[in-house]
């Protein structure tokens, strides 16, 4: 007697009996399903990475905004109020050739700019310098530094170099030039004090 047609399992409505201990062969459809699952997992990972990149970009944009300008303006070379101007007079040597100086605003009432950024070659901001915009007595506040402040920093550094192992004639000449520049700027300030126009937008 055929065991599959035994009285216990005979009848037209009974399902066929599968041999025990044997797996059902994987069909082409199940292979496609697994491939789709794999692609969906890879897509999910990619979307996660893109979301993380968007978050990092947003954090960078926020950082740049806190420095007074937007990432987009910096990318297309536009300053706050007009085309960004780059300064290249410092270019020479391994360090300075990789540093860029960008002017970030348009000239103010006195004809000079007030905001500058120093960037390394990959575009990372190393420093932002804000100069006083408007005479202190006119605007009622101190909102930036003076030319004399930056010259004083240069004098301090060159003076220290001249006391160390790298003293040289060139440093001595540069130091003398900065000290001369400081002398004339302070003489101008003293003259303005004497004429009672210091801190005012008067000549």
Protein backbone atom coordinates (compact mmCIF):
# COMPACT_ATOMS: atom_id res chain seq x y z
CA UNK A 1 0.00 0.00 0.00
CA UNK A 2 1.18 3.48 -0.82
CA UNK A 3 1.69 5.24 2.55
CA UNK A 4 0.58 8.56 1.07
CA UNK A 5 -2.79 7.00 0.19
CA UNK A 6 -3.32 5.18 3.46
CA UNK A 7 -6.79 5.29 5.05
CA UNK A 8 -5.52 7.75 7.66
CA UNK A 9 -4.69 10.44 5.08
CA UNK A 10 -6.89 9.54 2.17
CA UNK A 11 -9.48 11.95 0.82
CA UNK A 12 -9.56 14.68 -1.71
CA UNK A 13 -9.44 17.56 0.80
CA UNK A 14 -6.34 16.50 2.75
CA UNK A 15 -3.11 18.52 2.19
CA UNK A 16 -0.07 16.66 0.89
CA UNK A 17 2.30 15.43 3.57
CA UNK A 18 5.82 16.93 3.42
CA UNK A 19 8.70 14.60 4.15
CA UNK A 20 10.02 15.34 7.68
CA UNK A 21 13.51 16.80 8.19
CA UNK A 22 13.78 18.40 4.74
CA UNK A 23 13.86 22.20 4.00
CA UNK A 24 11.73 23.76 1.35
CA UNK A 25 14.08 24.89 -1.46
CA UNK A 26 14.62 28.72 -1.61
CA UNK A 27 12.79 30.16 -4.56
CA UNK A 28 13.88 32.95 -6.85
CA UNK A 29 11.23 35.15 -5.25
CA UNK A 30 12.70 34.72 -1.77
CA UNK A 31 16.16 35.66 -3.10
CA UNK A 32 14.71 38.86 -4.51
CA UNK A 33 13.00 39.57 -1.17
CA UNK A 34 16.30 39.23 0.64
CA UNK A 35 18.00 41.50 -1.89
CA UNK A 36 15.26 44.10 -1.40
CA UNK A 37 15.72 43.86 2.37
CA UNK A 38 19.46 44.42 1.94
CA UNK A 39 18.92 47.44 -0.31
CA UNK A 40 16.40 48.91 2.13
CA UNK A 41 18.92 48.52 4.97
CA UNK A 42 21.63 50.22 2.90
CA UNK A 43 19.20 53.03 2.03
CA UNK A 44 18.36 53.49 5.69
CA UNK A 45 22.07 53.74 6.57
CA UNK A 46 22.63 56.27 3.78
CA UNK A 47 19.70 58.37 4.96
CA UNK A 48 21.13 58.31 8.49
CA UNK A 49 24.53 59.46 7.21
CA UNK A 50 22.91 62.25 5.18
CA UNK A 51 20.95 63.39 8.22
CA UNK A 52 24.16 63.47 10.23
CA UNK A 53 25.90 65.46 7.49
CA UNK A 54 22.99 67.93 7.40
CA UNK A 55 23.27 68.34 11.16
CA UNK A 56 27.02 68.99 10.94
CA UNK A 57 26.42 71.54 8.17
CA UNK A 58 23.77 73.26 10.30
CA UNK A 59 26.19 73.41 13.23
CA UNK A 60 28.88 74.90 10.98
CA UNK A 61 26.42 77.46 9.62
CA UNK A 62 25.43 78.39 13.19
CA UNK A 63 29.09 78.83 14.09
CA UNK A 64 29.70 81.10 11.12
CA UNK A 65 26.58 83.10 11.88
CA UNK A 66 27.88 83.69 15.38
CA UNK A 67 30.94 85.26 13.75
CA UNK A 68 28.74 87.70 11.90
CA UNK A 69 28.35 86.15 8.46
CA UNK A 70 26.69 83.22 6.75
CA UNK A 71 28.21 80.12 5.23
CA UNK A 72 26.51 80.80 1.90
CA UNK A 73 27.94 84.27 1.60
CA UNK A 74 31.38 82.98 2.38
CA UNK A 75 31.09 80.21 -0.21
CA UNK A 76 30.15 82.48 -3.10
CA UNK A 77 32.63 85.14 -2.04
CA UNK A 78 30.14 87.76 -0.93
CA UNK A 79 30.58 89.87 2.17
CA UNK A 80 27.80 91.20 4.39
CA UNK A 81 27.00 94.13 2.17
CA UNK A 82 28.78 93.45 -1.09
CA UNK A 83 31.54 91.52 -2.88
CA UNK A 84 34.17 90.05 -0.60
CA UNK A 85 37.67 91.46 -1.10
CA UNK A 86 40.76 89.37 -0.44
CA UNK A 87 44.09 90.75 0.78
CA UNK A 88 47.23 89.09 -0.58
CA UNK A 89 50.05 91.46 0.41
CA UNK A 90 51.18 89.05 3.16
CA UNK A 91 51.70 86.13 0.76
CA UNK A 92 55.19 84.63 0.95
CA UNK A 93 56.50 81.51 2.68
CA UNK A 94 55.04 78.18 3.75
CA UNK A 95 52.66 79.66 6.34
CA UNK A 96 51.50 82.89 4.72
CA UNK A 97 50.93 81.25 1.34
CA UNK A 98 48.34 79.02 3.03
CA UNK A 99 46.61 81.83 4.91
CA UNK A 100 43.93 84.05 3.39
CA UNK A 101 42.68 87.42 4.61
CA UNK A 102 39.12 88.29 3.65
CA UNK A 103 37.42 91.66 4.04
CA UNK A 104 33.89 90.99 5.22
CA UNK A 105 32.16 94.34 4.98
CA UNK A 106 32.02 97.46 2.86
CA UNK A 107 33.89 100.63 3.82
CA UNK A 108 32.34 102.70 6.59
CA UNK A 109 31.89 106.47 6.91
CA UNK A 110 35.65 107.01 7.25
CA UNK A 111 36.43 105.04 4.11
CA UNK A 112 37.92 101.94 5.79
CA UNK A 113 36.58 98.44 6.34
CA UNK A 114 35.90 97.14 9.84
CA UNK A 115 35.66 93.33 9.67
CA UNK A 116 38.31 90.90 8.52
CA UNK A 117 38.75 87.12 8.71
CA UNK A 118 41.91 85.06 8.52
CA UNK A 119 41.39 81.58 7.10
CA UNK A 120 43.58 78.57 6.42
CA UNK A 121 43.65 76.97 2.97
CA UNK A 122 40.73 74.59 3.66
CA UNK A 123 38.52 77.53 4.58
CA UNK A 124 38.57 77.11 8.36
CA UNK A 125 38.34 80.41 10.21
CA UNK A 126 41.38 81.02 12.38
CA UNK A 127 40.52 84.55 13.51
CA UNK A 128 37.98 87.30 12.98
CA UNK A 129 39.05 90.88 13.62
CA UNK A 130 36.46 93.57 14.25
CA UNK A 131 37.67 97.16 14.21
CA UNK A 132 35.84 100.01 15.91
CA UNK A 133 33.01 101.14 13.66
CA UNK A 134 32.05 104.75 14.27
CA UNK A 135 33.56 107.21 16.69
CA UNK A 136 33.09 106.06 20.29
CA UNK A 137 31.32 109.25 21.40
CA UNK A 138 29.08 109.15 18.33
CA UNK A 139 27.99 105.49 18.53
CA UNK A 140 28.09 105.37 22.33
CA UNK A 141 30.00 102.10 22.57
CA UNK A 142 33.23 100.27 21.89
CA UNK A 143 32.48 97.65 19.23
CA UNK A 144 35.94 96.76 17.98
CA UNK A 145 39.68 97.16 18.31
CA UNK A 146 42.04 99.82 16.95
CA UNK A 147 44.92 99.69 14.49
CA UNK A 148 47.20 100.54 17.40
CA UNK A 149 46.14 97.31 19.17
CA UNK A 150 47.30 95.13 16.31
CA UNK A 151 50.50 97.11 15.87
CA UNK A 152 51.20 96.68 19.60
CA UNK A 153 50.86 92.90 19.20
CA UNK A 154 53.36 92.95 16.32
CA UNK A 155 55.78 95.05 18.37
CA UNK A 156 55.51 92.66 21.30
CA UNK A 157 56.20 89.59 19.16
CA UNK A 158 59.13 91.08 17.26
CA UNK A 159 60.66 92.40 20.49
CA UNK A 160 60.49 88.88 21.92
CA UNK A 161 62.00 87.36 18.78
CA UNK A 162 64.88 89.81 18.95
CA UNK A 163 65.64 88.60 22.49
CA UNK A 164 65.66 84.97 21.38
CA UNK A 165 67.75 82.76 19.12
CA UNK A 166 66.14 84.03 15.91
CA UNK A 167 67.10 87.72 16.16
CA UNK A 168 68.07 89.29 12.84
CA UNK A 169 68.45 92.57 11.00
CA UNK A 170 65.16 92.11 9.14
CA UNK A 171 63.24 91.74 12.41
CA UNK A 172 64.97 94.82 13.77
CA UNK A 173 63.94 96.86 10.74
CA UNK A 174 60.35 95.58 10.90
CA UNK A 175 60.22 96.39 14.63
CA UNK A 176 61.51 99.91 13.99
CA UNK A 177 58.86 100.41 11.29
CA UNK A 178 56.05 99.28 13.61
CA UNK A 179 57.32 101.51 16.41
CA UNK A 180 57.40 104.43 13.97
CA UNK A 181 53.83 103.66 12.86
CA UNK A 182 52.73 103.59 16.51
CA UNK A 183 54.46 106.92 17.17
CA UNK A 184 52.64 108.70 14.33
CA UNK A 185 49.24 107.21 15.14
CA UNK A 186 49.55 108.21 18.80
CA UNK A 187 50.73 111.67 17.73
CA UNK A 188 47.58 111.98 15.62
CA UNK A 189 45.43 110.92 18.59
CA UNK A 190 47.12 113.44 20.88
CA UNK A 191 46.52 116.16 18.32
CA UNK A 192 42.82 115.25 18.22
CA UNK A 193 42.67 115.41 22.01
CA UNK A 194 44.22 118.87 21.88
CA UNK A 195 41.57 119.99 19.38
CA UNK A 196 38.75 118.36 21.39
CA UNK A 197 37.64 116.14 18.49
CA UNK A 198 38.93 112.79 19.74
CA UNK A 199 36.15 110.17 19.75
CA UNK A 200 34.04 112.22 17.36
CA UNK A 201 33.41 111.95 13.62
CA UNK A 202 35.23 115.18 13.00
CA UNK A 203 38.44 115.77 11.18
